[in-house]
Protein backbone atom coordinates (compact mmCIF):
# COMPACT_ATOMS: atom_id res chain seq x y z
CA UNK A 1 -23.74 -99.89 294.03
CA UNK A 2 -21.43 -98.09 295.89
CA UNK A 3 -18.40 -99.07 297.56
CA UNK A 4 -19.51 -99.79 301.39
CA UNK A 5 -16.58 -99.34 303.45
CA UNK A 6 -18.29 -100.50 306.90
CA UNK A 7 -17.10 -103.18 308.67
CA UNK A 8 -18.98 -106.31 309.17
CA UNK A 9 -19.28 -109.70 311.04
CA UNK A 10 -21.64 -112.83 310.58
CA UNK A 11 -21.34 -116.39 310.65
CA UNK A 12 -20.21 -119.18 308.21
CA UNK A 13 -23.40 -121.46 307.83
CA UNK A 14 -21.67 -124.08 305.77
CA UNK A 15 -18.19 -125.18 304.22
CA UNK A 16 -18.05 -127.33 301.33
CA UNK A 17 -15.91 -128.13 297.98
CA UNK A 18 -18.53 -127.90 295.14
CA UNK A 19 -15.76 -128.60 292.70
CA UNK A 20 -12.08 -130.53 293.18
CA UNK A 21 -10.52 -126.91 293.12
CA UNK A 22 -13.63 -124.56 294.46
CA UNK A 23 -14.36 -124.21 298.09
CA UNK A 24 -17.59 -122.66 298.96
CA UNK A 25 -18.66 -120.76 302.20
CA UNK A 26 -22.36 -120.27 302.78
CA UNK A 27 -22.64 -117.00 304.72
CA UNK A 28 -25.36 -115.94 306.93
CA UNK A 29 -26.66 -112.35 305.82
CA UNK A 30 -29.82 -112.10 308.25
CA UNK A 31 -30.07 -108.28 309.48
CA UNK A 32 -27.67 -107.61 306.78
CA UNK A 33 -30.25 -105.71 304.66
CA UNK A 34 -27.20 -103.72 302.49
CA UNK A 35 -26.62 -107.30 301.00
CA UNK A 36 -29.30 -108.14 298.07
CA UNK A 37 -29.46 -109.57 294.79
CA UNK A 38 -27.75 -107.12 293.08
CA UNK A 39 -24.54 -108.11 295.25
CA UNK A 40 -24.27 -111.44 292.79
CA UNK A 41 -20.86 -111.19 290.87
CA UNK A 42 -19.74 -108.18 293.27
CA UNK A 43 -17.65 -108.79 295.76
CA UNK A 44 -16.86 -108.48 299.71
CA UNK A 45 -13.08 -107.37 301.20
CA UNK A 46 -12.28 -110.35 303.68
CA UNK A 47 -10.90 -108.95 306.48
CA UNK A 48 -8.14 -111.52 308.05
CA UNK A 49 -6.10 -110.63 311.12
CA UNK A 50 -2.12 -111.75 310.54
CA UNK A 51 0.21 -110.49 313.62
CA UNK A 52 -1.80 -107.76 314.90
CA UNK A 53 -2.20 -106.63 311.04
CA UNK A 54 -5.80 -106.59 309.51
CA UNK A 55 -5.27 -107.85 305.77
CA UNK A 56 -7.93 -107.58 303.40
CA UNK A 57 -8.51 -109.70 300.46
CA UNK A 58 -11.50 -109.11 297.85
CA UNK A 59 -13.55 -112.47 297.30
CA UNK A 60 -16.55 -112.67 294.25
CA UNK A 61 -19.84 -113.08 295.43
CA UNK A 62 -21.08 -116.13 293.53
CA UNK A 63 -24.64 -116.34 294.98
CA UNK A 64 -27.29 -114.15 296.91
CA UNK A 65 -30.46 -115.96 298.15
CA UNK A 66 -32.62 -112.98 299.64
CA UNK A 67 -35.07 -115.48 300.92
CA UNK A 68 -32.83 -118.01 302.76
CA UNK A 69 -30.68 -114.73 304.06
CA UNK A 70 -27.52 -116.18 302.57
CA UNK A 71 -24.62 -115.32 300.37
CA UNK A 72 -21.93 -117.84 298.86
CA UNK A 73 -18.77 -117.04 298.68
CA UNK A 74 -16.24 -119.48 296.26
CA UNK A 75 -12.57 -119.56 296.99
CA UNK A 76 -10.37 -121.44 294.39
CA UNK A 77 -8.77 -124.55 296.82
CA UNK A 78 -5.41 -124.20 295.92
CA UNK A 79 -3.71 -124.99 299.58
CA UNK A 80 -2.01 -121.78 299.09
CA UNK A 81 -0.53 -120.20 302.47
CA UNK A 82 -2.52 -116.56 301.65
CA UNK A 83 -4.78 -115.01 304.39
CA UNK A 84 -7.65 -116.09 301.95
CA UNK A 85 -6.77 -119.39 300.69
CA UNK A 86 -5.86 -120.44 304.65
CA UNK A 87 -9.28 -118.64 306.04
CA UNK A 88 -11.40 -120.61 303.88
CA UNK A 89 -9.72 -123.80 304.35
CA UNK A 90 -9.85 -123.80 307.89
CA UNK A 91 -13.66 -122.23 308.41
CA UNK A 92 -15.99 -124.06 310.00
CA UNK A 93 -19.91 -124.40 310.43
CA UNK A 94 -20.59 -121.01 313.12
CA UNK A 95 -16.68 -119.61 312.49
CA UNK A 96 -16.89 -115.93 312.26
CA UNK A 97 -16.10 -113.83 308.88
CA UNK A 98 -15.01 -110.24 309.21
CA UNK A 99 -16.06 -108.29 305.64
CA UNK A 100 -16.39 -105.23 304.02
CA UNK A 101 -18.83 -104.37 300.94
CA UNK A 102 -20.01 -105.63 298.77
CA UNK A 103 -18.56 -103.35 296.35
CA UNK A 104 -20.04 -103.30 292.75
CA UNK A 105 -19.90 -105.80 290.04
CA UNK A 106 -18.46 -104.65 286.50
CA UNK A 107 -21.35 -105.65 284.34
CA UNK A 108 -20.84 -105.68 280.22
CA UNK A 109 -22.78 -103.20 278.00
CA UNK A 110 -25.87 -104.84 276.96
CA UNK A 111 -25.86 -102.37 274.07
CA UNK A 112 -22.82 -104.67 272.65
CA UNK A 113 -24.05 -107.59 269.90
CA UNK A 114 -21.14 -110.06 270.49
CA UNK A 115 -19.46 -110.80 273.97
CA UNK A 116 -16.21 -112.42 274.56
CA UNK A 117 -15.54 -113.61 278.42
CA UNK A 118 -12.12 -114.79 279.66
CA UNK A 119 -10.97 -116.03 282.70
CA UNK A 120 -9.24 -118.56 285.08
CA UNK A 121 -10.45 -119.65 288.30
CA UNK A 122 -10.26 -116.62 290.42
CA UNK A 123 -12.84 -115.27 288.18
CA UNK A 124 -15.42 -117.98 287.85
CA UNK A 125 -17.71 -116.31 290.25
CA UNK A 126 -17.95 -113.69 288.54
CA UNK A 127 -17.77 -114.52 285.13
CA UNK A 128 -20.74 -116.95 285.70
CA UNK A 129 -23.29 -114.00 287.33
CA UNK A 130 -22.57 -111.84 284.02
CA UNK A 131 -23.48 -115.42 281.97
CA UNK A 132 -26.10 -115.96 284.27
CA UNK A 133 -27.35 -112.37 284.52
CA UNK A 134 -27.33 -112.57 280.08
CA UNK A 135 -29.61 -115.81 280.36
CA UNK A 136 -32.10 -114.43 282.33
CA UNK A 137 -32.29 -111.74 280.12
CA UNK A 138 -32.98 -114.10 277.29
CA UNK A 139 -29.75 -112.81 275.49
CA UNK A 140 -29.91 -114.16 271.61
CA UNK A 141 -26.31 -112.76 271.15
CA UNK A 142 -23.26 -114.57 270.72
CA UNK A 143 -21.04 -115.24 273.78
CA UNK A 144 -17.47 -116.84 273.16
CA UNK A 145 -16.18 -118.18 276.93
CA UNK A 146 -12.91 -119.17 277.58
CA UNK A 147 -12.08 -120.51 280.85
CA UNK A 148 -9.10 -122.68 282.29
CA UNK A 149 -9.14 -124.86 285.62
CA UNK A 150 -6.96 -127.05 287.31
CA UNK A 151 -9.41 -130.08 286.76
CA UNK A 152 -11.77 -130.97 283.82
CA UNK A 153 -14.35 -131.90 286.83
CA UNK A 154 -14.06 -128.04 287.65
CA UNK A 155 -16.23 -126.74 284.47
CA UNK A 156 -18.83 -128.74 286.36
CA UNK A 157 -19.37 -125.09 288.10
CA UNK A 158 -20.87 -123.84 284.59
CA UNK A 159 -23.15 -126.87 284.11
CA UNK A 160 -26.26 -124.94 284.15
CA UNK A 161 -25.16 -122.52 281.49
CA UNK A 162 -23.64 -124.85 278.66
CA UNK A 163 -27.13 -126.26 276.97
CA UNK A 164 -27.80 -122.23 276.38
CA UNK A 165 -27.65 -121.98 272.69
CA UNK A 166 -25.80 -118.74 272.39
CA UNK A 167 -22.98 -119.67 275.07
CA UNK A 168 -19.87 -121.33 273.06
CA UNK A 169 -17.77 -122.65 275.94
CA UNK A 170 -13.68 -123.56 275.55
CA UNK A 171 -12.50 -125.20 278.87
CA UNK A 172 -8.85 -125.50 279.20
CA UNK A 173 -7.72 -127.91 281.42
CA UNK A 174 -4.38 -126.47 282.74
CA UNK A 175 -2.66 -124.93 285.97
CA UNK A 176 -3.31 -122.02 287.74
CA UNK A 177 -0.70 -119.60 285.72
CA UNK A 178 -3.52 -119.21 283.28
CA UNK A 179 -1.40 -119.04 279.95
CA UNK A 180 -3.33 -120.91 277.47
CA UNK A 181 -5.98 -118.12 277.79
CA UNK A 182 -4.28 -115.89 274.87
CA UNK A 183 -3.85 -118.79 272.46
CA UNK A 184 -7.32 -119.64 272.63
CA UNK A 185 -8.66 -116.40 272.41
CA UNK A 186 -6.62 -116.28 269.23
CA UNK A 187 -8.21 -118.89 268.05
CA UNK A 188 -12.12 -117.60 268.40
CA UNK A 189 -13.66 -116.71 265.53
CA UNK A 190 -14.44 -112.81 266.40
CA UNK A 191 -16.79 -111.37 264.06
CA UNK A 192 -14.90 -107.50 264.05
CA UNK A 193 -17.90 -105.90 262.09
CA UNK A 194 -20.03 -106.44 265.28
CA UNK A 195 -20.08 -104.05 268.38
CA UNK A 196 -17.47 -106.21 270.64
CA UNK A 197 -17.47 -106.58 274.17
CA UNK A 198 -14.20 -108.03 276.25
CA UNK A 199 -14.69 -109.19 280.15
CA UNK A 200 -11.37 -110.87 281.11
CA UNK A 201 -10.30 -111.48 284.33
CA UNK A 202 -7.34 -113.70 285.85
CA UNK A 203 -3.53 -114.06 286.76
CA UNK A 204 -1.79 -110.57 285.92
CA UNK A 205 0.77 -111.83 283.39
CA UNK A 206 -1.99 -113.61 281.14
CA UNK A 207 -4.24 -111.11 281.68
CA UNK A 208 -1.09 -108.25 280.42
CA UNK A 209 -0.38 -110.86 277.30
CA UNK A 210 -3.88 -110.45 276.66
CA UNK A 211 -3.72 -106.64 276.54
CA UNK A 212 -0.57 -106.26 274.71
CA UNK A 213 -2.30 -108.50 272.10
CA UNK A 214 -5.43 -106.43 271.99
CA UNK A 215 -2.82 -103.23 271.37
CA UNK A 216 -1.05 -105.12 268.68
CA UNK A 217 -4.34 -105.89 266.69
CA UNK A 218 -6.23 -102.79 266.20
CA UNK A 219 -8.82 -104.62 264.18
CA UNK A 220 -10.19 -105.99 267.26
CA UNK A 221 -11.73 -102.66 268.55
CA UNK A 222 -14.10 -103.46 271.55
CA UNK A 223 -16.62 -100.97 272.03
CA UNK A 224 -16.49 -102.23 275.51
CA UNK A 225 -13.74 -103.85 277.64
CA UNK A 226 -12.84 -104.50 281.06
CA UNK A 227 -9.28 -106.61 281.47
CA UNK A 228 -8.37 -107.04 285.40
CA UNK A 229 -6.02 -109.02 287.38
CA UNK A 230 -6.87 -110.59 290.49
CA UNK A 231 -3.20 -111.88 291.11
CA UNK A 232 -0.04 -113.09 290.20
CA UNK A 233 1.86 -116.70 290.23
CA UNK A 234 4.71 -116.61 292.75
CA UNK A 235 3.28 -113.04 294.39
CA UNK A 236 1.29 -111.91 297.46
CA UNK A 237 -1.49 -110.08 297.15
CA UNK A 238 0.19 -106.74 298.17
CA UNK A 239 3.31 -107.16 295.78
CA UNK A 240 0.64 -107.89 292.80
CA UNK A 241 -1.37 -104.83 294.21
CA UNK A 242 1.41 -102.86 294.26
CA UNK A 243 2.50 -103.86 290.56
CA UNK A 244 -0.95 -103.98 289.00
CA UNK A 245 -0.93 -100.19 289.56
CA UNK A 246 2.23 -99.98 286.92
CA UNK A 247 0.19 -101.94 284.31
CA UNK A 248 -1.00 -100.29 280.80
CA UNK A 249 -4.60 -101.18 280.33
């Protein structure tokens, strides 16, 4: 799926807390034929006006229902003052949403034989989409899933996937800085003789810690590796984006 730079406007049909710290906006996509089931796990660029300037924020697409003509966008409900958080908090039924996209999701390499997924709450929608795709393909490969959330109730987000026998979940109840992800990755029993895949996304400092650990441990040779920082604690998105460009991946 190529990046789509055209701007679209639509209406919000529903807003709800689906876990204590995740807010879902259901968006009307009737007439937006370019948004199909392949957009699940991809992202839009939410456009928000502030002081006469258009600000864009990447938001993962959690679900697409082509029959009902809706897509679901899940936002971390952290009470922050950022444009995306404020937009989600203040959104009401029939209010307008402006966005670009969707952009492509980053799929794992299905030829690998063992998978490790790591993420904080900002990565939940994209990570969940990867797990759903693997389950739909009846993948009989080991998947280690390490996720952190503010509340144990937030892990209900994965409730329909927990019973899949090839998924091994590690749930970390913590905070939004995601500092426990690396420690739990170190504890994970990984078969280094296999073709390994790593899909990892979340807070920048935590992601960089994981990247550093992988550089220092060359035996963890991932055939397929995706590590992406979505945000940084204490910084706005513009500051994070500038620093992200300097990171060693």
